[in-house]
């Protein structure tokens, strides 16, 4: 149905952009993107107050959960779509969330894989970052300079390391 709503000009623009993006996409970007998908499905932790959960779900206490939802309700009571007048309330929700992240999530997340042959680390990280950003639940720093990738001394394993956001 959505496709029928697009004008022929917009369909052509979208198609041309997809073709250009595909032509510019590298295999290391794609490799990084799919490794990010694997991290999401196997390793990435979330906490019970997150709106989306992974298989690695960490539970906060019942009291903490009640406090989070109390703060969130205060914010939602004052929130108006397009006119967020609840700045202080939103800050309180985010402050509490960051406290729970710091308390429950590992501060360093090591994702260990069989030895990887990454030829273009920059492109690999761009793909990895794109995947983890798209999942909408990554609490870790995913800026290119914040992602560490290294092999063990024997070159048996490659580790991708993320650090918890501030």
C-alpha atoms as a PDB file:
ATOM      1  CA  UNK A   1       0.000   0.000   0.000  1.00  0.00           C
ATOM      2  CA  UNK A   2       2.806   2.440   0.868  1.00  0.00           C
ATOM      3  CA  UNK A   3       4.401   1.946  -2.553  1.00  0.00           C
ATOM      4  CA  UNK A   4       1.179   2.922  -4.299  1.00  0.00           C
ATOM      5  CA  UNK A   5       1.178   6.224  -2.406  1.00  0.00           C
ATOM      6  CA  UNK A   6       4.581   7.270  -3.770  1.00  0.00           C
ATOM      7  CA  UNK A   7       4.812   9.399  -6.854  1.00  0.00           C
ATOM      8  CA  UNK A   8       6.750   7.936  -9.809  1.00  0.00           C
ATOM      9  CA  UNK A   9       9.447  10.573  -9.201  1.00  0.00           C
ATOM     10  CA  UNK A  10       9.872   9.563  -5.546  1.00  0.00           C
ATOM     11  CA  UNK A  11       9.947   5.864  -6.478  1.00  0.00           C
ATOM     12  CA  UNK A  12      12.732   6.592  -8.967  1.00  0.00           C
ATOM     13  CA  UNK A  13      14.684   8.649  -6.386  1.00  0.00           C
ATOM     14  CA  UNK A  14      14.411   5.855  -3.826  1.00  0.00           C
ATOM     15  CA  UNK A  15      15.408   3.209  -6.364  1.00  0.00           C
ATOM     16  CA  UNK A  16      18.393   5.264  -7.570  1.00  0.00           C
ATOM     17  CA  UNK A  17      19.539   5.808  -3.987  1.00  0.00           C
ATOM     18  CA  UNK A  18      19.348   2.071  -3.233  1.00  0.00           C
ATOM     19  CA  UNK A  19      21.368   1.303  -6.376  1.00  0.00           C
ATOM     20  CA  UNK A  20      24.002   3.921  -5.447  1.00  0.00           C
ATOM     21  CA  UNK A  21      24.180   2.663  -1.841  1.00  0.00           C
ATOM     22  CA  UNK A  22      24.603  -0.918  -3.057  1.00  0.00           C
ATOM     23  CA  UNK A  23      27.381   0.054  -5.453  1.00  0.00           C
ATOM     24  CA  UNK A  24      29.248   1.876  -2.671  1.00  0.00           C
ATOM     25  CA  UNK A  25      28.736  -0.849  -0.050  1.00  0.00           C
ATOM     26  CA  UNK A  26      31.827  -2.860   0.785  1.00  0.00           C
ATOM     27  CA  UNK A  27      31.948  -6.472   1.884  1.00  0.00           C
ATOM     28  CA  UNK A  28      33.606  -5.403   5.166  1.00  0.00           C
ATOM     29  CA  UNK A  29      30.667  -3.068   5.862  1.00  0.00           C
ATOM     30  CA  UNK A  30      28.263  -5.964   5.234  1.00  0.00           C
ATOM     31  CA  UNK A  31      30.409  -8.271   7.359  1.00  0.00           C
ATOM     32  CA  UNK A  32      30.335  -5.747  10.219  1.00  0.00           C
ATOM     33  CA  UNK A  33      26.588  -5.306   9.866  1.00  0.00           C
ATOM     34  CA  UNK A  34      25.933  -9.035  10.150  1.00  0.00           C
ATOM     35  CA  UNK A  35      28.336  -9.423  13.072  1.00  0.00           C
ATOM     36  CA  UNK A  36      26.327  -6.643  14.748  1.00  0.00           C
ATOM     37  CA  UNK A  37      23.158  -8.639  14.125  1.00  0.00           C
ATOM     38  CA  UNK A  38      24.809 -11.664  15.728  1.00  0.00           C
ATOM     39  CA  UNK A  39      25.865  -9.588  18.737  1.00  0.00           C
ATOM     40  CA  UNK A  40      22.269  -8.385  19.101  1.00  0.00           C
ATOM     41  CA  UNK A  41      20.902 -11.934  18.985  1.00  0.00           C
ATOM     42  CA  UNK A  42      23.508 -13.645  21.172  1.00  0.00           C
ATOM     43  CA  UNK A  43      25.374 -11.252  23.452  1.00  0.00           C
ATOM     44  CA  UNK A  44      23.924  -7.763  23.809  1.00  0.00           C
ATOM     45  CA  UNK A  45      22.413  -7.293  27.286  1.00  0.00           C
ATOM     46  CA  UNK A  46      19.302  -5.281  28.057  1.00  0.00           C
ATOM     47  CA  UNK A  47      17.637  -4.457  31.342  1.00  0.00           C
ATOM     48  CA  UNK A  48      14.054  -5.213  32.265  1.00  0.00           C
ATOM     49  CA  UNK A  49      12.928  -1.565  31.958  1.00  0.00           C
ATOM     50  CA  UNK A  50      14.024  -1.416  28.313  1.00  0.00           C
ATOM     51  CA  UNK A  51      11.103  -1.357  25.908  1.00  0.00           C
ATOM     52  CA  UNK A  52      12.841  -3.941  23.693  1.00  0.00           C
ATOM     53  CA  UNK A  53      14.630  -6.971  25.130  1.00  0.00           C
ATOM     54  CA  UNK A  54      17.367  -9.257  23.912  1.00  0.00           C
ATOM     55  CA  UNK A  55      17.953 -12.853  24.952  1.00  0.00           C
ATOM     56  CA  UNK A  56      20.428 -11.540  27.510  1.00  0.00           C
ATOM     57  CA  UNK A  57      17.885  -9.832  29.788  1.00  0.00           C
ATOM     58  CA  UNK A  58      19.017  -8.557  33.181  1.00  0.00           C
ATOM     59  CA  UNK A  59      16.378  -7.858  35.811  1.00  0.00           C
ATOM     60  CA  UNK A  60      16.405  -4.906  38.165  1.00  0.00           C
ATOM     61  CA  UNK A  61      14.685  -5.124  41.551  1.00  0.00           C
ATOM     62  CA  UNK A  62      10.930  -4.744  41.868  1.00  0.00           C
ATOM     63  CA  UNK A  63      11.397  -1.516  43.852  1.00  0.00           C
ATOM     64  CA  UNK A  64      13.679  -0.065  41.183  1.00  0.00           C
ATOM     65  CA  UNK A  65      11.228  -1.020  38.469  1.00  0.00           C
ATOM     66  CA  UNK A  66       8.350   0.677  40.331  1.00  0.00           C
ATOM     67  CA  UNK A  67      10.445   3.822  40.733  1.00  0.00           C
ATOM     68  CA  UNK A  68      11.317   3.858  37.040  1.00  0.00           C
ATOM     69  CA  UNK A  69       7.670   3.565  35.989  1.00  0.00           C
ATOM     70  CA  UNK A  70       6.650   6.214  38.527  1.00  0.00           C
ATOM     71  CA  UNK A  71       9.173   8.639  37.014  1.00  0.00           C
ATOM     72  CA  UNK A  72       8.137   7.691  33.490  1.00  0.00           C
ATOM     73  CA  UNK A  73       4.462   8.279  34.336  1.00  0.00           C
ATOM     74  CA  UNK A  74       5.302  11.750  35.697  1.00  0.00           C
ATOM     75  CA  UNK A  75       7.003  12.570  32.420  1.00  0.00           C
ATOM     76  CA  UNK A  76       4.210  11.106  30.272  1.00  0.00           C
ATOM     77  CA  UNK A  77       1.575  13.081  32.207  1.00  0.00           C
ATOM     78  CA  UNK A  78       3.237  16.335  31.111  1.00  0.00           C
ATOM     79  CA  UNK A  79       4.390  15.264  27.653  1.00  0.00           C
ATOM     80  CA  UNK A  80       2.665  16.740  24.618  1.00  0.00           C
ATOM     81  CA  UNK A  81       3.601  15.352  21.219  1.00  0.00           C
ATOM     82  CA  UNK A  82       5.624  17.974  19.404  1.00  0.00           C
ATOM     83  CA  UNK A  83       5.764  20.188  22.509  1.00  0.00           C
ATOM     84  CA  UNK A  84       7.781  18.383  25.135  1.00  0.00           C
ATOM     85  CA  UNK A  85       7.133  20.555  28.175  1.00  0.00           C
ATOM     86  CA  UNK A  86       8.414  17.951  30.620  1.00  0.00           C
ATOM     87  CA  UNK A  87      12.134  18.600  30.369  1.00  0.00           C
ATOM     88  CA  UNK A  88      12.876  18.118  34.067  1.00  0.00           C
ATOM     89  CA  UNK A  89      10.779  14.973  34.271  1.00  0.00           C
ATOM     90  CA  UNK A  90      12.502  13.530  31.202  1.00  0.00           C
ATOM     91  CA  UNK A  91      15.895  14.283  32.729  1.00  0.00           C
ATOM     92  CA  UNK A  92      14.867  12.413  35.903  1.00  0.00           C
ATOM     93  CA  UNK A  93      13.798   9.373  33.855  1.00  0.00           C
ATOM     94  CA  UNK A  94      17.098   9.381  31.960  1.00  0.00           C
ATOM     95  CA  UNK A  95      19.150   9.910  35.114  1.00  0.00           C
ATOM     96  CA  UNK A  96      17.469   6.919  36.756  1.00  0.00           C
ATOM     97  CA  UNK A  97      17.915   4.814  33.596  1.00  0.00           C
ATOM     98  CA  UNK A  98      21.642   5.626  33.445  1.00  0.00           C
ATOM     99  CA  UNK A  99      21.931   4.650  37.115  1.00  0.00           C
ATOM    100  CA  UNK A 100      20.308   1.251  36.376  1.00  0.00           C
ATOM    101  CA  UNK A 101      22.505   0.744  33.304  1.00  0.00           C
ATOM    102  CA  UNK A 102      25.623   1.446  35.356  1.00  0.00           C
ATOM    103  CA  UNK A 103      24.454  -0.857  38.150  1.00  0.00           C
ATOM    104  CA  UNK A 104      23.334  -3.866  36.087  1.00  0.00           C
ATOM    105  CA  UNK A 105      25.049  -3.863  32.706  1.00  0.00           C
ATOM    106  CA  UNK A 106      28.652  -5.012  32.286  1.00  0.00           C
ATOM    107  CA  UNK A 107      30.805  -1.909  31.874  1.00  0.00           C
ATOM    108  CA  UNK A 108      32.867  -3.733  29.275  1.00  0.00           C
ATOM    109  CA  UNK A 109      31.224  -6.087  26.801  1.00  0.00           C
ATOM    110  CA  UNK A 110      33.581  -8.499  25.051  1.00  0.00           C
ATOM    111  CA  UNK A 111      32.163 -10.331  22.054  1.00  0.00           C
ATOM    112  CA  UNK A 112      34.488 -13.195  21.149  1.00  0.00           C
ATOM    113  CA  UNK A 113      34.510 -14.756  17.687  1.00  0.00           C
ATOM    114  CA  UNK A 114      36.569 -17.268  15.854  1.00  0.00           C
ATOM    115  CA  UNK A 115      39.473 -15.419  14.229  1.00  0.00           C
ATOM    116  CA  UNK A 116      38.164 -12.837  11.737  1.00  0.00           C
ATOM    117  CA  UNK A 117      39.914 -11.582   8.641  1.00  0.00           C
ATOM    118  CA  UNK A 118      38.786  -7.956   8.595  1.00  0.00           C
ATOM    119  CA  UNK A 119      40.498  -6.154   5.742  1.00  0.00           C
ATOM    120  CA  UNK A 120      39.018  -2.685   6.220  1.00  0.00           C
ATOM    121  CA  UNK A 121      38.446  -2.100   9.935  1.00  0.00           C
ATOM    122  CA  UNK A 122      36.881   1.319   9.352  1.00  0.00           C
ATOM    123  CA  UNK A 123      34.224  -0.134   7.014  1.00  0.00           C
ATOM    124  CA  UNK A 124      33.673  -3.107   9.330  1.00  0.00           C
ATOM    125  CA  UNK A 125      33.068  -0.743  12.271  1.00  0.00           C
ATOM    126  CA  UNK A 126      30.685   1.368  10.168  1.00  0.00           C
ATOM    127  CA  UNK A 127      28.607  -1.735   9.429  1.00  0.00           C
ATOM    128  CA  UNK A 128      28.769  -2.916  13.029  1.00  0.00           C
ATOM    129  CA  UNK A 129      27.744   0.522  14.264  1.00  0.00           C
ATOM    130  CA  UNK A 130      24.884   0.736  11.786  1.00  0.00           C
ATOM    131  CA  UNK A 131      23.501  -2.607  12.914  1.00  0.00           C
ATOM    132  CA  UNK A 132      23.724  -1.849  16.633  1.00  0.00           C
ATOM    133  CA  UNK A 133      22.269   1.618  16.166  1.00  0.00           C
ATOM    134  CA  UNK A 134      19.352   0.181  14.172  1.00  0.00           C
ATOM    135  CA  UNK A 135      18.464  -2.283  16.931  1.00  0.00           C
ATOM    136  CA  UNK A 136      17.463   0.684  19.171  1.00  0.00           C
ATOM    137  CA  UNK A 137      18.632  -0.934  22.408  1.00  0.00           C
ATOM    138  CA  UNK A 138      22.403  -0.788  22.486  1.00  0.00           C
ATOM    139  CA  UNK A 139      23.570   0.895  25.691  1.00  0.00           C
ATOM    140  CA  UNK A 140      27.239   0.784  24.637  1.00  0.00           C
ATOM    141  CA  UNK A 141      29.390   3.413  22.974  1.00  0.00           C
ATOM    142  CA  UNK A 142      29.385   2.575  19.280  1.00  0.00           C
ATOM    143  CA  UNK A 143      31.328   5.481  17.879  1.00  0.00           C
ATOM    144  CA  UNK A 144      34.070   4.209  15.600  1.00  0.00           C
ATOM    145  CA  UNK A 145      36.894   5.236  17.962  1.00  0.00           C
ATOM    146  CA  UNK A 146      35.154   3.579  20.942  1.00  0.00           C
ATOM    147  CA  UNK A 147      34.960   0.094  19.400  1.00  0.00           C
ATOM    148  CA  UNK A 148      38.055  -2.025  20.009  1.00  0.00           C
ATOM    149  CA  UNK A 149      38.856  -5.018  17.809  1.00  0.00           C
ATOM    150  CA  UNK A 150      41.822  -7.234  18.582  1.00  0.00           C
ATOM    151  CA  UNK A 151      43.106 -10.793  18.219  1.00  0.00           C
ATOM    152  CA  UNK A 152      44.402 -12.925  21.049  1.00  0.00           C
ATOM    153  CA  UNK A 153      48.108 -13.762  21.068  1.00  0.00           C
ATOM    154  CA  UNK A 154      47.610 -17.078  19.290  1.00  0.00           C
ATOM    155  CA  UNK A 155      45.194 -15.666  16.667  1.00  0.00           C
ATOM    156  CA  UNK A 156      42.536 -18.180  17.635  1.00  0.00           C
ATOM    157  CA  UNK A 157      39.924 -15.569  18.490  1.00  0.00           C
ATOM    158  CA  UNK A 158      38.966 -12.016  17.607  1.00  0.00           C
ATOM    159  CA  UNK A 159      37.459  -9.880  20.346  1.00  0.00           C
ATOM    160  CA  UNK A 160      35.171  -6.936  19.703  1.00  0.00           C
ATOM    161  CA  UNK A 161      35.015  -4.775  22.816  1.00  0.00           C
ATOM    162  CA  UNK A 162      32.414  -2.172  23.719  1.00  0.00           C
ATOM    163  CA  UNK A 163      32.323   0.088  26.751  1.00  0.00           C
ATOM    164  CA  UNK A 164      29.201   1.272  28.500  1.00  0.00           C
ATOM    165  CA  UNK A 165      28.059   4.771  27.603  1.00  0.00           C
ATOM    166  CA  UNK A 166      28.416   7.590  30.087  1.00  0.00           C
END
